[in-house]
Amino acid sequence: MSLEDHIGDVCRKARLQTGTPIDAAAALAGLTEAQLQEWETEGVIEASVNVAVLAERLGLDAAKAQRVEDGWEPAAVDLSRWRELRVVTTAEGFEVNSFVAWDAASREAAIFDTGWFADDLFRIADENELDVRHLFITHMHGDHVAAIGDVRKRWPEIELHSNNSGAPERSRVTPGEAVAVGGLSVTARLTPGHAEDGVTYVIEGWPGNASAVAIVGDAIFAGSMGKDFSTPELAQQKVRDEILTLPSDTLICPGHGPLTTVGEEQSSNPFF
């Protein structure tokens, strides 16, 4: 799976989040405004782009931005280390990831976001004879919860976990409070910014001492982050404090794009 954001996307987000005028950004990049807009859209252009100078002006790490420009991608993840973790990618105009995790002994399971469609979630539950008890929502944007009605219809007693103000009070997450999913432990960390109700869920207790898994929604992507044109400093600080402080081998499961790790993002994400 390719990166959710190419280098043009990354710089466009940073330009808008910092309020940098397009003419100033174009001049720094050595482009016309039309060329900059093309590069931001396509990620490639025939003209040479001064990525390092532009990135520095936009508050990005210039060396990391150049790495993304040069084709960096996170190392492929061997999911067999987390035998009871599945990634489900659905598409309706664009792709979104949701996740299923369960305890091997009890078959107790949790779903993290629903994506556009629930068919593959149902298939995984049936094939593995899962007892699906929990639905954890990273944020209530439509692409992440489009199938929530189908999921709740299939499992009427499923326990909802969300930080959305419109969710029932009993469903609101409590940061730092662990929720048991069989032998697994799920802890919520608030990561507002891209979405006011953004939550990262850290799953621990995997067999074989596999590292923790962080289901991050759109707080961070491999090599980028979710857009936040209102509170970008808050969004970045929450990622630094709540996600990038996790052990470097923690598996990051974003709402879009490939899986990555804390270590990969510390070394290669231009926003951090």
C-alpha atoms as a PDB file:
ATOM      1  CA  MET A   1       0.000   0.000   0.000  1.00  0.00           C
ATOM      2  CA  SER A   2       1.428   3.357  -1.033  1.00  0.00           C
ATOM      3  CA  LEU A   3       1.697   6.329   1.312  1.00  0.00           C
ATOM      4  CA  GLU A   4      -1.536   8.181   2.030  1.00  0.00           C
ATOM      5  CA  ASP A   5       0.233  11.491   1.298  1.00  0.00           C
ATOM      6  CA  HIS A   6       2.962  12.078  -1.288  1.00  0.00           C
ATOM      7  CA  ILE A   7       5.428  14.894  -0.662  1.00  0.00           C
ATOM      8  CA  GLY A   8       3.210  17.420  -2.446  1.00  0.00           C
ATOM      9  CA  ASP A   9       0.320  16.558  -0.126  1.00  0.00           C
ATOM     10  CA  VAL A  10       2.602  16.906   2.895  1.00  0.00           C
ATOM     11  CA  CYS A  11       3.797  20.372   1.862  1.00  0.00           C
ATOM     12  CA  ARG A  12       0.298  21.520   0.923  1.00  0.00           C
ATOM     13  CA  LYS A  13      -0.987  20.564   4.374  1.00  0.00           C
ATOM     14  CA  ALA A  14       1.926  22.338   6.013  1.00  0.00           C
ATOM     15  CA  ARG A  15       1.464  25.411   3.812  1.00  0.00           C
ATOM     16  CA  LEU A  16      -2.206  25.727   4.714  1.00  0.00           C
ATOM     17  CA  GLN A  17      -1.622  24.957   8.391  1.00  0.00           C
ATOM     18  CA  THR A  18       1.064  27.639   8.657  1.00  0.00           C
ATOM     19  CA  GLY A  19      -0.879  30.158   6.576  1.00  0.00           C
ATOM     20  CA  THR A  20       2.023  30.541   4.139  1.00  0.00           C
ATOM     21  CA  PRO A  21       0.929  32.474   1.018  1.00  0.00           C
ATOM     22  CA  ILE A  22       1.090  30.395  -2.132  1.00  0.00           C
ATOM     23  CA  ASP A  23       3.258  32.926  -3.942  1.00  0.00           C
ATOM     24  CA  ALA A  24       5.835  32.844  -1.148  1.00  0.00           C
ATOM     25  CA  ALA A  25       5.823  29.051  -1.090  1.00  0.00           C
ATOM     26  CA  ALA A  26       6.223  28.871  -4.854  1.00  0.00           C
ATOM     27  CA  ALA A  27       9.193  31.225  -4.776  1.00  0.00           C
ATOM     28  CA  LEU A  28      10.905  29.141  -2.091  1.00  0.00           C
ATOM     29  CA  ALA A  29      10.309  25.967  -4.080  1.00  0.00           C
ATOM     30  CA  GLY A  30      11.660  27.588  -7.262  1.00  0.00           C
ATOM     31  CA  LEU A  31       8.331  27.198  -9.047  1.00  0.00           C
ATOM     32  CA  THR A  32       5.529  29.284 -10.466  1.00  0.00           C
ATOM     33  CA  GLU A  33       2.263  29.225  -8.543  1.00  0.00           C
ATOM     34  CA  ALA A  34       0.736  27.002 -11.220  1.00  0.00           C
ATOM     35  CA  GLN A  35       3.645  24.573 -10.964  1.00  0.00           C
ATOM     36  CA  LEU A  36       3.412  24.485  -7.176  1.00  0.00           C
ATOM     37  CA  GLN A  37      -0.289  23.687  -7.346  1.00  0.00           C
ATOM     38  CA  GLU A  38       0.415  20.895  -9.832  1.00  0.00           C
ATOM     39  CA  TRP A  39       3.154  19.489  -7.613  1.00  0.00           C
ATOM     40  CA  GLU A  40       0.964  19.674  -4.518  1.00  0.00           C
ATOM     41  CA  THR A  41      -1.743  17.763  -6.400  1.00  0.00           C
ATOM     42  CA  GLU A  42       0.352  15.189  -8.258  1.00  0.00           C
ATOM     43  CA  GLY A  43       3.474  14.851  -6.129  1.00  0.00           C
ATOM     44  CA  VAL A  44       5.692  14.983  -9.227  1.00  0.00           C
ATOM     45  CA  ILE A  45       6.462  17.661 -11.790  1.00  0.00           C
ATOM     46  CA  GLU A  46       8.974  18.076 -14.610  1.00  0.00           C
ATOM     47  CA  ALA A  47      10.514  21.142 -13.004  1.00  0.00           C
ATOM     48  CA  SER A  48      13.027  20.813 -10.164  1.00  0.00           C
ATOM     49  CA  VAL A  49      11.538  21.473  -6.710  1.00  0.00           C
ATOM     50  CA  ASN A  50      13.630  22.872  -3.848  1.00  0.00           C
ATOM     51  CA  VAL A  51      11.974  20.637  -1.272  1.00  0.00           C
ATOM     52  CA  ALA A  52      14.431  21.300   1.558  1.00  0.00           C
ATOM     53  CA  VAL A  53      14.089  25.101   1.480  1.00  0.00           C
ATOM     54  CA  LEU A  54      10.307  24.947   1.167  1.00  0.00           C
ATOM     55  CA  ALA A  55       9.992  22.371   3.953  1.00  0.00           C
ATOM     56  CA  GLU A  56      12.056  24.449   6.356  1.00  0.00           C
ATOM     57  CA  ARG A  57       9.875  27.514   5.734  1.00  0.00           C
ATOM     58  CA  LEU A  58       6.750  25.403   6.346  1.00  0.00           C
ATOM     59  CA  GLY A  59       7.982  24.120   9.705  1.00  0.00           C
ATOM     60  CA  LEU A  60       8.746  20.636   8.414  1.00  0.00           C
ATOM     61  CA  ASP A  61      11.939  18.678   8.990  1.00  0.00           C
ATOM     62  CA  ALA A  62      13.823  19.310   5.747  1.00  0.00           C
ATOM     63  CA  ALA A  63      15.860  16.090   5.804  1.00  0.00           C
ATOM     64  CA  LYS A  64      12.780  13.955   6.441  1.00  0.00           C
ATOM     65  CA  ALA A  65      10.825  15.772   3.739  1.00  0.00           C
ATOM     66  CA  GLN A  66      13.618  15.044   1.285  1.00  0.00           C
ATOM     67  CA  ARG A  67      13.494  11.394   2.344  1.00  0.00           C
ATOM     68  CA  VAL A  68       9.794  11.229   1.489  1.00  0.00           C
ATOM     69  CA  GLU A  69      10.502  13.019  -1.805  1.00  0.00           C
ATOM     70  CA  ASP A  70      13.138  10.374  -2.568  1.00  0.00           C
ATOM     71  CA  GLY A  71      10.615   7.552  -2.162  1.00  0.00           C
ATOM     72  CA  TRP A  72      10.772   6.563   1.508  1.00  0.00           C
ATOM     73  CA  GLU A  73       8.143   4.105   2.684  1.00  0.00           C
ATOM     74  CA  PRO A  74       7.942   2.283   6.033  1.00  0.00           C
ATOM     75  CA  ALA A  75       9.309  -1.240   6.096  1.00  0.00           C
ATOM     76  CA  ALA A  76       6.692  -3.885   5.357  1.00  0.00           C
ATOM     77  CA  VAL A  77       5.041  -5.165   8.533  1.00  0.00           C
ATOM     78  CA  ASP A  78       4.851  -8.909   9.231  1.00  0.00           C
ATOM     79  CA  LEU A  79       1.410  -9.166  10.828  1.00  0.00           C
ATOM     80  CA  SER A  80       2.039 -12.774  11.875  1.00  0.00           C
ATOM     81  CA  ARG A  81       3.627 -11.306  15.019  1.00  0.00           C
ATOM     82  CA  TRP A  82       0.122 -10.195  15.999  1.00  0.00           C
ATOM     83  CA  ARG A  83      -1.748 -13.339  15.009  1.00  0.00           C
ATOM     84  CA  GLU A  84      -5.145 -12.065  16.123  1.00  0.00           C
ATOM     85  CA  LEU A  85      -5.029  -8.669  14.380  1.00  0.00           C
ATOM     86  CA  ARG A  86      -6.628  -8.038  10.996  1.00  0.00           C
ATOM     87  CA  VAL A  87      -6.646  -4.970   8.743  1.00  0.00           C
ATOM     88  CA  VAL A  88      -9.793  -4.316   6.697  1.00  0.00           C
ATOM     89  CA  THR A  89      -9.582  -1.742   3.912  1.00  0.00           C
ATOM     90  CA  THR A  90     -12.778  -0.550   2.254  1.00  0.00           C
ATOM     91  CA  ALA A  91     -13.216   2.013  -0.499  1.00  0.00           C
ATOM     92  CA  GLU A  92     -15.968   4.407  -1.519  1.00  0.00           C
ATOM     93  CA  GLY A  93     -14.154   7.029  -3.538  1.00  0.00           C
ATOM     94  CA  PHE A  94     -11.084   6.566  -1.328  1.00  0.00           C
ATOM     95  CA  GLU A  95      -9.760   3.866   0.975  1.00  0.00           C
ATOM     96  CA  VAL A  96     -10.087   3.735   4.753  1.00  0.00           C
ATOM     97  CA  ASN A  97      -8.727   1.192   7.233  1.00  0.00           C
ATOM     98  CA  SER A  98     -10.532  -0.484  10.096  1.00  0.00           C
ATOM     99  CA  PHE A  99      -9.202  -3.217  12.363  1.00  0.00           C
ATOM    100  CA  VAL A 100     -10.273  -6.345  14.237  1.00  0.00           C
ATOM    101  CA  ALA A 101      -8.378  -7.649  17.275  1.00  0.00           C
ATOM    102  CA  TRP A 102      -9.197 -10.606  19.494  1.00  0.00           C
ATOM    103  CA  ASP A 103      -7.988 -12.840  22.287  1.00  0.00           C
ATOM    104  CA  ALA A 104      -7.044 -16.286  20.977  1.00  0.00           C
ATOM    105  CA  ALA A 105      -8.182 -18.180  24.061  1.00  0.00           C
ATOM    106  CA  SER A 106     -11.610 -16.652  24.703  1.00  0.00           C
ATOM    107  CA  ARG A 107     -12.327 -15.464  21.114  1.00  0.00           C
ATOM    108  CA  GLU A 108     -13.494 -12.182  22.640  1.00  0.00           C
ATOM    109  CA  ALA A 109     -13.036  -9.501  19.987  1.00  0.00           C
ATOM    110  CA  ALA A 110     -13.103  -5.781  19.306  1.00  0.00           C
ATOM    111  CA  ILE A 111     -13.599  -3.752  16.137  1.00  0.00           C
ATOM    112  CA  PHE A 112     -11.788  -0.442  15.673  1.00  0.00           C
ATOM    113  CA  ASP A 113     -13.710   1.861  13.306  1.00  0.00           C
ATOM    114  CA  THR A 114     -16.016   0.318  10.721  1.00  0.00           C
ATOM    115  CA  GLY A 115     -14.885   1.777   7.410  1.00  0.00           C
ATOM    116  CA  TRP A 116     -17.335   2.130   4.559  1.00  0.00           C
ATOM    117  CA  PHE A 117     -18.716  -1.423   4.609  1.00  0.00           C
ATOM    118  CA  ALA A 118     -19.002  -4.157   7.244  1.00  0.00           C
ATOM    119  CA  ASP A 119     -18.932  -7.257   5.015  1.00  0.00           C
ATOM    120  CA  ASP A 120     -15.282  -8.133   5.699  1.00  0.00           C
ATOM    121  CA  LEU A 121     -15.727  -7.469   9.411  1.00  0.00           C
ATOM    122  CA  PHE A 122     -18.577  -9.980   9.428  1.00  0.00           C
ATOM    123  CA  ARG A 123     -16.530 -12.487   7.409  1.00  0.00           C
ATOM    124  CA  ILE A 124     -13.571 -12.305   9.811  1.00  0.00           C
ATOM    125  CA  ALA A 125     -15.896 -12.726  12.794  1.00  0.00           C
ATOM    126  CA  ASP A 126     -17.579 -15.755  11.231  1.00  0.00           C
ATOM    127  CA  GLU A 127     -14.395 -17.448  10.001  1.00  0.00           C
ATOM    128  CA  ASN A 128     -12.740 -17.107  13.407  1.00  0.00           C
ATOM    129  CA  GLU A 129     -15.880 -17.737  15.510  1.00  0.00           C
ATOM    130  CA  LEU A 130     -15.408 -14.456  17.345  1.00  0.00           C
ATOM    131  CA  ASP A 131     -17.407 -13.102  20.248  1.00  0.00           C
ATOM    132  CA  VAL A 132     -17.480  -9.440  19.183  1.00  0.00           C
ATOM    133  CA  ARG A 133     -18.133  -7.319  22.271  1.00  0.00           C
ATOM    134  CA  HIS A 134     -16.538  -3.918  21.670  1.00  0.00           C
ATOM    135  CA  LEU A 135     -16.582  -1.207  19.009  1.00  0.00           C
ATOM    136  CA  PHE A 136     -13.886   1.445  19.460  1.00  0.00           C
ATOM    137  CA  ILE A 137     -14.243   4.618  17.373  1.00  0.00           C
ATOM    138  CA  THR A 138     -11.169   6.779  16.714  1.00  0.00           C
ATOM    139  CA  HIS A 139     -13.316   9.699  15.498  1.00  0.00           C
ATOM    140  CA  MET A 140     -16.753  10.159  14.015  1.00  0.00           C
ATOM    141  CA  HIS A 141     -15.830  11.249  10.481  1.00  0.00           C
ATOM    142  CA  GLY A 142     -18.112   9.581   7.984  1.00  0.00           C
ATOM    143  CA  ASP A 143     -15.567   7.354   6.243  1.00  0.00           C
ATOM    144  CA  HIS A 144     -14.581   5.791   9.571  1.00  0.00           C
ATOM    145  CA  VAL A 145     -18.108   5.068  10.813  1.00  0.00           C
ATOM    146  CA  ALA A 146     -20.178   4.585   7.653  1.00  0.00           C
ATOM    147  CA  ALA A 147     -20.987   0.980   8.589  1.00  0.00           C
ATOM    148  CA  ILE A 148     -21.648   1.595  12.296  1.00  0.00           C
ATOM    149  CA  GLY A 149     -25.367   0.936  11.882  1.00  0.00           C
ATOM    150  CA  ASP A 150     -24.748  -2.443  10.228  1.00  0.00           C
ATOM    151  CA  VAL A 151     -22.260  -3.429  12.942  1.00  0.00           C
ATOM    152  CA  ARG A 152     -24.648  -2.512  15.756  1.00  0.00           C
ATOM    153  CA  LYS A 153     -27.487  -4.300  14.010  1.00  0.00           C
ATOM    154  CA  ARG A 154     -25.387  -7.484  13.756  1.00  0.00           C
ATOM    155  CA  TRP A 155     -24.267  -7.230  17.402  1.00  0.00           C
ATOM    156  CA  PRO A 156     -26.984  -5.289  19.287  1.00  0.00           C
ATOM    157  CA  GLU A 157     -25.176  -5.674  22.624  1.00  0.00           C
ATOM    158  CA  ILE A 158     -21.830  -4.419  21.356  1.00  0.00           C
ATOM    159  CA  GLU A 159     -20.232  -1.880  23.707  1.00  0.00           C
ATOM    160  CA  LEU A 160     -19.441   1.430  22.019  1.00  0.00           C
ATOM    161  CA  HIS A 161     -16.324   3.411  22.961  1.00  0.00           C
ATOM    162  CA  SER A 162     -16.018   6.970  21.616  1.00  0.00           C
ATOM    163  CA  ASN A 163     -15.002  10.461  22.706  1.00  0.00           C
ATOM    164  CA  ASN A 164     -17.652  12.172  20.594  1.00  0.00           C
ATOM    165  CA  SER A 165     -19.846  14.618  22.494  1.00  0.00           C
ATOM    166  CA  GLY A 166     -22.895  13.173  20.749  1.00  0.00           C
ATOM    167  CA  ALA A 167     -22.233   9.646  21.981  1.00  0.00           C
ATOM    168  CA  PRO A 168     -24.112   8.360  25.065  1.00  0.00           C
ATOM    169  CA  GLU A 169     -22.326   9.253  28.282  1.00  0.00           C
ATOM    170  CA  ARG A 170     -21.746   5.599  29.118  1.00  0.00           C
ATOM    171  CA  SER A 171     -19.857   5.252  25.822  1.00  0.00           C
ATOM    172  CA  ARG A 172     -17.360   8.051  26.473  1.00  0.00           C
ATOM    173  CA  VAL A 173     -13.795   6.861  26.859  1.00  0.00           C
ATOM    174  CA  THR A 174     -11.748   7.506  29.973  1.00  0.00           C
ATOM    175  CA  PRO A 175      -8.077   8.188  29.141  1.00  0.00           C
ATOM    176  CA  GLY A 176      -5.725   5.740  30.812  1.00  0.00           C
ATOM    177  CA  GLU A 177      -8.479   3.346  31.871  1.00  0.00           C
ATOM    178  CA  ALA A 178      -7.878  -0.141  30.448  1.00  0.00           C
ATOM    179  CA  VAL A 179     -10.698  -2.088  28.786  1.00  0.00           C
ATOM    180  CA  ALA A 180     -10.237  -5.862  28.753  1.00  0.00           C
ATOM    181  CA  VAL A 181     -10.833  -7.744  25.523  1.00  0.00           C
ATOM    182  CA  GLY A 182     -10.172 -11.229  26.809  1.00  0.00           C
ATOM    183  CA  GLY A 183      -6.473 -11.224  27.634  1.00  0.00           C
ATOM    184  CA  LEU A 184      -5.833  -8.046  25.652  1.00  0.00           C
ATOM    185  CA  SER A 185      -5.891  -4.594  27.214  1.00  0.00           C
ATOM    186  CA  VAL A 186      -7.088  -1.488  25.339  1.00  0.00           C
ATOM    187  CA  THR A 187      -6.225   1.960  26.687  1.00  0.00           C
ATOM    188  CA  ALA A 188      -7.491   5.250  25.255  1.00  0.00           C
ATOM    189  CA  ARG A 189      -5.265   8.289  24.660  1.00  0.00           C
ATOM    190  CA  LEU A 190      -6.940  11.498  23.524  1.00  0.00           C
ATOM    191  CA  THR A 191      -5.479  12.811  20.255  1.00  0.00           C
ATOM    192  CA  PRO A 192      -7.688  15.722  19.126  1.00  0.00           C
ATOM    193  CA  GLY A 193      -6.640  17.920  16.236  1.00  0.00           C
ATOM    194  CA  HIS A 194      -7.698  16.440  12.914  1.00  0.00           C
ATOM    195  CA  ALA A 195     -10.951  15.658  14.730  1.00  0.00           C
ATOM    196  CA  GLU A 196     -12.098  17.195  17.989  1.00  0.00           C
ATOM    197  CA  ASP A 197     -13.084  13.740  19.262  1.00  0.00           C
ATOM    198  CA  GLY A 198      -9.883  12.008  18.115  1.00  0.00           C
ATOM    199  CA  VAL A 199      -8.767   8.999  20.171  1.00  0.00           C
ATOM    200  CA  THR A 200      -5.807   6.644  19.857  1.00  0.00           C
ATOM    201  CA  TYR A 201      -6.307   3.143  21.250  1.00  0.00           C
ATOM    202  CA  VAL A 202      -3.240   1.242  22.491  1.00  0.00           C
ATOM    203  CA  ILE A 203      -3.642  -2.540  22.538  1.00  0.00           C
ATOM    204  CA  GLU A 204      -1.306  -4.548  24.767  1.00  0.00           C
ATOM    205  CA  GLY A 205      -1.078  -8.102  26.053  1.00  0.00           C
ATOM    206  CA  TRP A 206      -0.402  -9.873  22.761  1.00  0.00           C
ATOM    207  CA  PRO A 207       0.847 -13.483  22.878  1.00  0.00           C
ATOM    208  CA  GLY A 208       4.556 -13.988  22.426  1.00  0.00           C
ATOM    209  CA  ASN A 209       5.346 -10.536  23.821  1.00  0.00           C
ATOM    210  CA  ALA A 210       4.498  -8.858  20.527  1.00  0.00           C
ATOM    211  CA  SER A 211       4.802  -5.097  20.800  1.00  0.00           C
ATOM    212  CA  ALA A 212       1.881  -2.801  21.496  1.00  0.00           C
ATOM    213  CA  VAL A 213      -0.444  -1.739  18.690  1.00  0.00           C
ATOM    214  CA  ALA A 214      -1.707   1.849  18.396  1.00  0.00           C
ATOM    215  CA  ILE A 215      -4.919   2.381  16.434  1.00  0.00           C
ATOM    216  CA  VAL A 216      -4.531   6.084  15.633  1.00  0.00           C
ATOM    217  CA  GLY A 217      -7.329   7.046  13.243  1.00  0.00           C
ATOM    218  CA  ASP A 218      -6.184  10.086  11.260  1.00  0.00           C
ATOM    219  CA  ALA A 219      -3.918  11.591  13.924  1.00  0.00           C
ATOM    220  CA  ILE A 220      -0.823  10.383  12.063  1.00  0.00           C
ATOM    221  CA  PHE A 221      -0.111   8.575   8.798  1.00  0.00           C
ATOM    222  CA  ALA A 222       3.075   6.969   7.537  1.00  0.00           C
ATOM    223  CA  GLY A 223       5.143  10.027   6.645  1.00  0.00           C
ATOM    224  CA  SER A 224       2.349  12.542   7.280  1.00  0.00           C
ATOM    225  CA  MET A 225      -0.591  13.422   9.531  1.00  0.00           C
ATOM    226  CA  GLY A 226      -4.285  14.218   9.284  1.00  0.00           C
ATOM    227  CA  LYS A 227      -5.065  17.769   8.208  1.00  0.00           C
ATOM    228  CA  ASP A 228      -5.968  20.324  10.851  1.00  0.00           C
ATOM    229  CA  PHE A 229      -6.240  23.870   9.586  1.00  0.00           C
ATOM    230  CA  SER A 230      -7.647  25.232  12.861  1.00  0.00           C
ATOM    231  CA  THR A 231      -5.434  23.824  15.620  1.00  0.00           C
ATOM    232  CA  PRO A 232      -2.339  22.355  13.902  1.00  0.00           C
ATOM    233  CA  GLU A 233      -0.047  22.975  16.884  1.00  0.00           C
ATOM    234  CA  LEU A 234      -2.425  21.029  19.129  1.00  0.00           C
ATOM    235  CA  ALA A 235      -2.648  18.185  16.628  1.00  0.00           C
ATOM    236  CA  GLN A 236       1.134  17.856  16.385  1.00  0.00           C
ATOM    237  CA  GLN A 237       1.676  18.148  20.118  1.00  0.00           C
ATOM    238  CA  LYS A 238      -0.888  15.433  20.856  1.00  0.00           C
ATOM    239  CA  VAL A 239       0.832  13.088  18.410  1.00  0.00           C
ATOM    240  CA  ARG A 240       4.188  13.822  20.023  1.00  0.00           C
ATOM    241  CA  ASP A 241       2.885  13.344  23.556  1.00  0.00           C
ATOM    242  CA  GLU A 242       0.442  10.464  23.126  1.00  0.00           C
ATOM    243  CA  ILE A 243       1.798   8.413  20.211  1.00  0.00           C
ATOM    244  CA  LEU A 244       5.478   9.092  19.571  1.00  0.00           C
ATOM    245  CA  THR A 245       6.310   8.590  23.272  1.00  0.00           C
ATOM    246  CA  LEU A 246       5.301   4.922  22.933  1.00  0.00           C
ATOM    247  CA  PRO A 247       8.114   2.349  22.517  1.00  0.00           C
ATOM    248  CA  SER A 248       9.771   2.581  19.110  1.00  0.00           C
ATOM    249  CA  ASP A 249       8.586  -0.882  18.040  1.00  0.00           C
ATOM    250  CA  THR A 250       4.928  -0.015  18.664  1.00  0.00           C
ATOM    251  CA  LEU A 251       2.894  -0.828  15.564  1.00  0.00           C
ATOM    252  CA  ILE A 252       0.973   2.215  14.283  1.00  0.00           C
ATOM    253  CA  CYS A 253      -2.289   1.397  12.486  1.00  0.00           C
ATOM    254  CA  PRO A 254      -3.521   4.545  10.701  1.00  0.00           C
ATOM    255  CA  GLY A 255      -6.953   5.141   9.251  1.00  0.00           C
ATOM    256  CA  HIS A 256      -5.426   5.545   5.782  1.00  0.00           C
ATOM    257  CA  GLY A 257      -2.309   4.230   4.093  1.00  0.00           C
ATOM    258  CA  PRO A 258       0.194   1.589   5.217  1.00  0.00           C
ATOM    259  CA  LEU A 259       1.042   0.396   8.699  1.00  0.00           C
ATOM    260  CA  THR A 260       4.159   1.859  10.268  1.00  0.00           C
ATOM    261  CA  THR A 261       5.909   2.026  13.638  1.00  0.00           C
ATOM    262  CA  VAL A 262       6.749   4.706  16.168  1.00  0.00           C
ATOM    263  CA  GLY A 263      10.434   4.325  15.269  1.00  0.00           C
ATOM    264  CA  GLU A 264       9.765   4.781  11.553  1.00  0.00           C
ATOM    265  CA  GLU A 265       7.791   7.964  12.175  1.00  0.00           C
ATOM    266  CA  GLN A 266      10.329   9.373  14.585  1.00  0.00           C
ATOM    267  CA  SER A 267      13.031   9.007  11.942  1.00  0.00           C
ATOM    268  CA  SER A 268      11.119   9.837   8.736  1.00  0.00           C
ATOM    269  CA  ASN A 269       7.904  11.827   9.308  1.00  0.00           C
ATOM    270  CA  PRO A 270       8.522  15.458   8.205  1.00  0.00           C
ATOM    271  CA  PHE A 271       5.929  16.832  10.661  1.00  0.00           C
ATOM    272  CA  PHE A 272       7.857  15.538  13.706  1.00  0.00           C
END
